[in-house]
Amino acid sequence: MIDFDTRMEKLRKVNGYLGSAILNYSGETLYIDEENTGADVAYASAIFNDSFRQINEASLDVGFSDISSFETKTEDGHVFLMKSAGAHTDESYSKIDIFCIFRDDGNIALAKMIMDKSSKIISDELAQI
């Protein structure tokens, strides 16, 4: 079994972090941390995942490749979703998405680096199950 709390620990320590969720390819929630948000992170992440898929279709329609992330920046903060697929095409690779919410003064660049690394590690671990 994957210890999602351990895998997400670095992200939770980034300045400005409010909450996150890990979704499998079909949008089901595998992990959720919504303590500091006052929001329904499961619902928000499902909406973002649906939007992510629609925008990905549009990207493919205009001849571009699959999108790797989707970000919304507001006056109050950032909400983004990053997928793990990267260069992995092996069928044993389990695709996941990490959804995250940060305050506007958060360290978004560091969060994105950690999310990218964590998503690949978690995907590899899920493929082993």
N, C-alpha and C. Protein backbone atom coordinates (compact mmCIF):
# COMPACT_ATOMS: atom_id res chain seq x y z
N MET A 1 0.83 -1.18 0.00
CA MET A 1 0.00 0.00 0.00
C MET A 1 0.88 1.25 0.00
N ILE A 2 0.44 2.26 -0.67
CA ILE A 2 1.20 3.51 -0.77
C ILE A 2 0.86 4.42 0.40
N ASP A 3 1.88 4.98 1.00
CA ASP A 3 1.70 5.93 2.09
C ASP A 3 1.65 7.34 1.49
N PHE A 4 0.45 7.76 1.10
CA PHE A 4 0.29 9.06 0.44
C PHE A 4 0.72 10.21 1.34
N ASP A 5 0.48 10.10 2.64
CA ASP A 5 0.88 11.16 3.56
C ASP A 5 2.39 11.41 3.48
N THR A 6 3.16 10.34 3.43
CA THR A 6 4.62 10.47 3.33
C THR A 6 5.01 11.08 1.99
N ARG A 7 4.37 10.63 0.92
CA ARG A 7 4.70 11.12 -0.42
C ARG A 7 4.34 12.60 -0.60
N MET A 8 3.34 13.08 0.15
CA MET A 8 2.90 14.46 0.01
C MET A 8 3.48 15.38 1.09
N GLU A 9 4.28 14.85 1.98
CA GLU A 9 4.82 15.62 3.10
C GLU A 9 5.61 16.85 2.65
N LYS A 10 6.49 16.71 1.65
CA LYS A 10 7.28 17.85 1.18
C LYS A 10 6.37 18.95 0.62
N LEU A 11 5.35 18.56 -0.11
CA LEU A 11 4.44 19.55 -0.68
C LEU A 11 3.70 20.31 0.41
N ARG A 12 3.25 19.59 1.44
CA ARG A 12 2.51 20.23 2.53
C ARG A 12 3.37 21.25 3.28
N LYS A 13 4.70 21.12 3.21
CA LYS A 13 5.60 22.02 3.92
C LYS A 13 5.96 23.28 3.12
N VAL A 14 5.56 23.34 1.86
CA VAL A 14 5.88 24.49 1.02
C VAL A 14 5.06 25.70 1.49
N ASN A 15 5.70 26.85 1.55
CA ASN A 15 5.05 28.09 1.96
C ASN A 15 3.81 28.35 1.11
N GLY A 16 2.68 28.60 1.76
CA GLY A 16 1.44 28.94 1.08
C GLY A 16 0.52 27.77 0.81
N TYR A 17 0.96 26.55 1.11
CA TYR A 17 0.15 25.35 0.86
C TYR A 17 -1.15 25.40 1.67
N LEU A 18 -2.26 25.07 1.01
CA LEU A 18 -3.55 25.00 1.69
C LEU A 18 -4.17 23.61 1.65
N GLY A 19 -4.08 22.93 0.52
CA GLY A 19 -4.69 21.61 0.41
C GLY A 19 -4.34 20.95 -0.90
N SER A 20 -4.65 19.64 -0.98
CA SER A 20 -4.34 18.90 -2.20
C SER A 20 -5.17 17.63 -2.28
N ALA A 21 -5.11 17.03 -3.45
CA ALA A 21 -5.76 15.74 -3.69
C ALA A 21 -4.96 15.00 -4.76
N ILE A 22 -5.00 13.68 -4.69
CA ILE A 22 -4.41 12.84 -5.73
C ILE A 22 -5.56 12.07 -6.35
N LEU A 23 -5.62 12.13 -7.68
CA LEU A 23 -6.69 11.48 -8.43
C LEU A 23 -6.10 10.43 -9.35
N ASN A 24 -6.81 9.33 -9.54
CA ASN A 24 -6.36 8.37 -10.55
C ASN A 24 -6.82 8.86 -11.92
N TYR A 25 -6.50 8.10 -12.95
CA TYR A 25 -6.78 8.53 -14.31
C TYR A 25 -8.26 8.79 -14.56
N SER A 26 -9.13 8.04 -13.90
CA SER A 26 -10.57 8.23 -14.11
C SER A 26 -11.17 9.32 -13.23
N GLY A 27 -10.35 9.98 -12.41
CA GLY A 27 -10.83 11.08 -11.59
C GLY A 27 -11.23 10.70 -10.18
N GLU A 28 -11.05 9.46 -9.79
CA GLU A 28 -11.38 9.03 -8.43
C GLU A 28 -10.32 9.53 -7.46
N THR A 29 -10.74 9.99 -6.30
CA THR A 29 -9.82 10.53 -5.30
C THR A 29 -9.11 9.39 -4.56
N LEU A 30 -7.77 9.43 -4.59
CA LEU A 30 -6.96 8.44 -3.89
C LEU A 30 -6.45 8.99 -2.55
N TYR A 31 -6.31 10.32 -2.49
CA TYR A 31 -5.78 10.99 -1.30
C TYR A 31 -6.39 12.38 -1.26
N ILE A 32 -6.64 12.87 -0.06
CA ILE A 32 -7.16 14.23 0.07
C ILE A 32 -6.66 14.87 1.35
N ASP A 33 -6.29 16.14 1.25
CA ASP A 33 -5.92 16.94 2.41
C ASP A 33 -6.64 18.27 2.26
N GLU A 34 -7.71 18.44 3.02
CA GLU A 34 -8.51 19.66 2.89
C GLU A 34 -8.65 20.39 4.22
N GLU A 35 -7.85 20.01 5.20
CA GLU A 35 -7.94 20.60 6.54
C GLU A 35 -7.89 22.12 6.56
N ASN A 36 -6.96 22.71 5.80
CA ASN A 36 -6.72 24.14 5.86
C ASN A 36 -7.45 24.95 4.80
N THR A 37 -8.37 24.31 4.08
CA THR A 37 -8.99 25.01 2.96
C THR A 37 -10.36 25.57 3.26
N GLY A 38 -11.13 24.91 4.08
CA GLY A 38 -12.52 25.32 4.28
C GLY A 38 -13.34 25.07 3.04
N ALA A 39 -12.86 24.18 2.17
CA ALA A 39 -13.52 23.91 0.90
C ALA A 39 -13.67 22.40 0.71
N ASP A 40 -14.51 22.04 -0.23
CA ASP A 40 -14.69 20.64 -0.60
C ASP A 40 -13.67 20.32 -1.70
N VAL A 41 -12.48 19.91 -1.29
CA VAL A 41 -11.38 19.67 -2.22
C VAL A 41 -11.70 18.52 -3.17
N ALA A 42 -12.41 17.51 -2.70
CA ALA A 42 -12.78 16.39 -3.57
C ALA A 42 -13.62 16.89 -4.75
N TYR A 43 -14.59 17.73 -4.47
CA TYR A 43 -15.45 18.28 -5.52
C TYR A 43 -14.66 19.20 -6.46
N ALA A 44 -13.87 20.10 -5.87
CA ALA A 44 -13.08 21.03 -6.68
C ALA A 44 -12.10 20.29 -7.58
N SER A 45 -11.45 19.26 -7.05
CA SER A 45 -10.48 18.52 -7.86
C SER A 45 -11.18 17.75 -8.98
N ALA A 46 -12.39 17.27 -8.73
CA ALA A 46 -13.14 16.58 -9.79
C ALA A 46 -13.51 17.55 -10.91
N ILE A 47 -13.90 18.77 -10.56
CA ILE A 47 -14.22 19.80 -11.56
C ILE A 47 -12.97 20.15 -12.37
N PHE A 48 -11.85 20.34 -11.68
CA PHE A 48 -10.60 20.65 -12.38
C PHE A 48 -10.19 19.50 -13.29
N ASN A 49 -10.36 18.27 -12.83
CA ASN A 49 -9.99 17.11 -13.64
C ASN A 49 -10.83 17.06 -14.91
N ASP A 50 -12.12 17.35 -14.79
CA ASP A 50 -13.00 17.37 -15.96
C ASP A 50 -12.58 18.48 -16.93
N SER A 51 -12.30 19.66 -16.40
CA SER A 51 -11.85 20.78 -17.23
C SER A 51 -10.51 20.45 -17.90
N PHE A 52 -9.64 19.82 -17.14
CA PHE A 52 -8.33 19.41 -17.66
C PHE A 52 -8.50 18.53 -18.90
N ARG A 53 -9.39 17.57 -18.82
CA ARG A 53 -9.62 16.66 -19.94
C ARG A 53 -10.18 17.41 -21.15
N GLN A 54 -11.10 18.35 -20.92
CA GLN A 54 -11.67 19.11 -22.02
C GLN A 54 -10.62 19.99 -22.70
N ILE A 55 -9.79 20.64 -21.90
CA ILE A 55 -8.73 21.49 -22.46
C ILE A 55 -7.71 20.63 -23.19
N ASN A 56 -7.45 19.44 -22.67
CA ASN A 56 -6.52 18.53 -23.35
C ASN A 56 -7.05 18.16 -24.74
N GLU A 57 -8.35 17.89 -24.83
CA GLU A 57 -8.95 17.59 -26.13
C GLU A 57 -8.77 18.75 -27.10
N ALA A 58 -8.96 19.97 -26.62
CA ALA A 58 -8.80 21.16 -27.46
C ALA A 58 -7.34 21.29 -27.91
N SER A 59 -6.42 20.99 -27.03
CA SER A 59 -4.99 21.05 -27.38
C SER A 59 -4.68 20.06 -28.50
N LEU A 60 -5.21 18.86 -28.38
CA LEU A 60 -4.99 17.84 -29.42
C LEU A 60 -5.66 18.25 -30.73
N ASP A 61 -6.84 18.87 -30.64
CA ASP A 61 -7.58 19.30 -31.83
C ASP A 61 -6.81 20.33 -32.65
N VAL A 62 -6.02 21.17 -31.99
CA VAL A 62 -5.25 22.17 -32.73
C VAL A 62 -3.87 21.67 -33.12
N GLY A 63 -3.61 20.40 -32.86
CA GLY A 63 -2.36 19.80 -33.29
C GLY A 63 -1.24 19.78 -32.26
N PHE A 64 -1.52 20.19 -31.05
CA PHE A 64 -0.51 20.15 -29.99
C PHE A 64 -0.57 18.81 -29.27
N SER A 65 0.37 18.58 -28.40
CA SER A 65 0.40 17.34 -27.63
C SER A 65 -0.48 17.46 -26.39
N ASP A 66 -0.54 16.39 -25.60
CA ASP A 66 -1.29 16.39 -24.35
C ASP A 66 -0.76 17.48 -23.43
N ILE A 67 -1.66 18.09 -22.66
CA ILE A 67 -1.22 19.09 -21.69
C ILE A 67 -0.69 18.37 -20.45
N SER A 68 0.21 19.03 -19.75
CA SER A 68 0.80 18.41 -18.56
C SER A 68 0.33 19.05 -17.28
N SER A 69 -0.21 20.27 -17.38
CA SER A 69 -0.71 20.93 -16.18
C SER A 69 -1.77 21.96 -16.56
N PHE A 70 -2.55 22.33 -15.55
CA PHE A 70 -3.64 23.28 -15.73
C PHE A 70 -3.64 24.15 -14.48
N GLU A 71 -3.50 25.47 -14.65
CA GLU A 71 -3.38 26.36 -13.50
C GLU A 71 -4.37 27.52 -13.61
N THR A 72 -4.94 27.87 -12.46
CA THR A 72 -5.79 29.06 -12.35
C THR A 72 -5.18 29.95 -11.28
N LYS A 73 -4.91 31.19 -11.67
CA LYS A 73 -4.34 32.15 -10.73
C LYS A 73 -5.39 33.23 -10.47
N THR A 74 -5.63 33.50 -9.19
CA THR A 74 -6.58 34.53 -8.82
C THR A 74 -5.88 35.53 -7.90
N GLU A 75 -6.58 36.56 -7.49
CA GLU A 75 -6.01 37.52 -6.54
C GLU A 75 -5.70 36.86 -5.20
N ASP A 76 -6.44 35.80 -4.90
CA ASP A 76 -6.30 35.13 -3.60
C ASP A 76 -5.32 33.98 -3.59
N GLY A 77 -5.08 33.38 -4.74
CA GLY A 77 -4.20 32.22 -4.75
C GLY A 77 -4.13 31.50 -6.07
N HIS A 78 -3.60 30.30 -6.00
CA HIS A 78 -3.39 29.46 -7.18
C HIS A 78 -4.07 28.12 -6.95
N VAL A 79 -4.69 27.61 -7.99
CA VAL A 79 -5.24 26.27 -7.98
C VAL A 79 -4.71 25.60 -9.24
N PHE A 80 -4.09 24.44 -9.08
CA PHE A 80 -3.57 23.78 -10.26
C PHE A 80 -3.62 22.28 -10.16
N LEU A 81 -3.52 21.66 -11.34
CA LEU A 81 -3.55 20.22 -11.46
C LEU A 81 -2.41 19.82 -12.38
N MET A 82 -1.64 18.84 -11.99
CA MET A 82 -0.51 18.38 -12.77
C MET A 82 -0.63 16.87 -12.96
N LYS A 83 -0.43 16.42 -14.19
CA LYS A 83 -0.52 14.98 -14.42
C LYS A 83 0.86 14.35 -14.43
N SER A 84 0.90 13.06 -14.19
CA SER A 84 2.17 12.35 -14.01
C SER A 84 2.70 11.69 -15.26
N ALA A 85 1.96 11.69 -16.34
CA ALA A 85 2.32 10.86 -17.48
C ALA A 85 3.73 11.10 -18.00
N GLY A 86 4.15 12.33 -18.15
CA GLY A 86 5.50 12.61 -18.62
C GLY A 86 5.86 11.81 -19.85
N ALA A 87 7.05 11.22 -19.83
CA ALA A 87 7.52 10.44 -20.96
C ALA A 87 7.19 8.96 -20.82
N HIS A 88 6.50 8.59 -19.75
CA HIS A 88 6.18 7.19 -19.52
C HIS A 88 5.07 6.73 -20.46
N THR A 89 5.34 5.70 -21.22
CA THR A 89 4.32 5.13 -22.10
C THR A 89 4.08 3.67 -21.78
N ASP A 90 4.83 3.12 -20.88
CA ASP A 90 4.71 1.73 -20.48
C ASP A 90 3.32 1.49 -19.89
N GLU A 91 2.68 0.39 -20.27
CA GLU A 91 1.34 0.12 -19.76
C GLU A 91 1.32 -0.14 -18.26
N SER A 92 2.45 -0.46 -17.67
CA SER A 92 2.47 -0.70 -16.23
C SER A 92 2.56 0.61 -15.44
N TYR A 93 2.70 1.71 -16.15
CA TYR A 93 2.77 3.01 -15.51
C TYR A 93 1.37 3.49 -15.21
N SER A 94 1.10 3.83 -13.97
CA SER A 94 -0.24 4.22 -13.54
C SER A 94 -0.34 5.75 -13.49
N LYS A 95 -1.13 6.34 -14.38
CA LYS A 95 -1.24 7.79 -14.46
C LYS A 95 -2.08 8.34 -13.31
N ILE A 96 -1.58 9.42 -12.71
CA ILE A 96 -2.32 10.12 -11.66
C ILE A 96 -2.26 11.61 -11.92
N ASP A 97 -3.13 12.34 -11.24
CA ASP A 97 -3.11 13.80 -11.27
C ASP A 97 -2.99 14.27 -9.83
N ILE A 98 -2.21 15.33 -9.63
CA ILE A 98 -2.14 15.97 -8.32
C ILE A 98 -2.78 17.34 -8.44
N PHE A 99 -3.77 17.57 -7.60
CA PHE A 99 -4.51 18.82 -7.53
C PHE A 99 -4.02 19.56 -6.29
N CYS A 100 -3.79 20.86 -6.39
CA CYS A 100 -3.23 21.59 -5.25
C CYS A 100 -3.77 23.01 -5.18
N ILE A 101 -3.90 23.51 -3.94
CA ILE A 101 -4.36 24.87 -3.70
C ILE A 101 -3.31 25.59 -2.86
N PHE A 102 -2.93 26.80 -3.30
CA PHE A 102 -1.93 27.61 -2.61
C PHE A 102 -2.42 29.05 -2.46
N ARG A 103 -1.99 29.69 -1.38
CA ARG A 103 -2.25 31.13 -1.22
C ARG A 103 -1.49 31.88 -2.32
N ASP A 104 -1.87 33.12 -2.54
CA ASP A 104 -1.23 33.91 -3.59
C ASP A 104 0.24 34.21 -3.31
N ASP A 105 0.65 34.17 -2.03
CA ASP A 105 2.05 34.44 -1.69
C ASP A 105 2.87 33.15 -1.53
N GLY A 106 2.31 32.03 -1.95
CA GLY A 106 2.99 30.74 -1.81
C GLY A 106 4.13 30.57 -2.80
N ASN A 107 4.99 29.62 -2.51
CA ASN A 107 6.13 29.31 -3.39
C ASN A 107 5.66 28.32 -4.46
N ILE A 108 5.06 28.85 -5.50
CA ILE A 108 4.45 28.04 -6.55
C ILE A 108 5.49 27.28 -7.36
N ALA A 109 6.62 27.91 -7.65
CA ALA A 109 7.66 27.24 -8.42
C ALA A 109 8.16 25.98 -7.70
N LEU A 110 8.42 26.10 -6.41
CA LEU A 110 8.86 24.95 -5.64
C LEU A 110 7.77 23.89 -5.58
N ALA A 111 6.54 24.31 -5.39
CA ALA A 111 5.42 23.36 -5.34
C ALA A 111 5.33 22.55 -6.63
N LYS A 112 5.48 23.20 -7.77
CA LYS A 112 5.39 22.50 -9.05
C LYS A 112 6.52 21.49 -9.21
N MET A 113 7.71 21.84 -8.77
CA MET A 113 8.83 20.89 -8.84
C MET A 113 8.56 19.67 -7.99
N ILE A 114 8.08 19.90 -6.78
CA ILE A 114 7.79 18.78 -5.87
C ILE A 114 6.64 17.94 -6.41
N MET A 115 5.61 18.58 -6.93
CA MET A 115 4.47 17.84 -7.49
C MET A 115 4.91 16.95 -8.65
N ASP A 116 5.77 17.46 -9.50
CA ASP A 116 6.24 16.69 -10.65
C ASP A 116 6.98 15.43 -10.18
N LYS A 117 7.90 15.61 -9.25
CA LYS A 117 8.66 14.46 -8.74
C LYS A 117 7.77 13.48 -7.99
N SER A 118 6.90 14.00 -7.13
CA SER A 118 6.03 13.14 -6.33
C SER A 118 5.07 12.35 -7.21
N SER A 119 4.52 12.99 -8.24
CA SER A 119 3.56 12.30 -9.09
C SER A 119 4.21 11.13 -9.82
N LYS A 120 5.43 11.30 -10.25
CA LYS A 120 6.13 10.21 -10.94
C LYS A 120 6.41 9.05 -9.99
N ILE A 121 6.83 9.37 -8.78
CA ILE A 121 7.11 8.33 -7.78
C ILE A 121 5.83 7.57 -7.44
N ILE A 122 4.75 8.30 -7.17
CA ILE A 122 3.48 7.66 -6.82
C ILE A 122 2.96 6.80 -7.97
N SER A 123 3.08 7.30 -9.19
CA SER A 123 2.63 6.53 -10.35
C SER A 123 3.39 5.22 -10.48
N ASP A 124 4.69 5.31 -10.31
CA ASP A 124 5.52 4.10 -10.36
C ASP A 124 5.12 3.10 -9.28
N GLU A 125 4.86 3.63 -8.07
CA GLU A 125 4.46 2.76 -6.96
C GLU A 125 3.09 2.11 -7.21
N LEU A 126 2.16 2.87 -7.75
CA LEU A 126 0.84 2.32 -8.07
C LEU A 126 0.93 1.22 -9.13
N ALA A 127 1.84 1.37 -10.06
CA ALA A 127 2.01 0.38 -11.11
C ALA A 127 2.51 -0.96 -10.56
N GLN A 128 3.16 -0.92 -9.40
CA GLN A 128 3.70 -2.13 -8.78
C GLN A 128 2.65 -2.90 -8.00
N ILE A 129 1.50 -2.28 -7.75
CA ILE A 129 0.46 -2.93 -6.94
C ILE A 129 -0.32 -3.92 -7.78
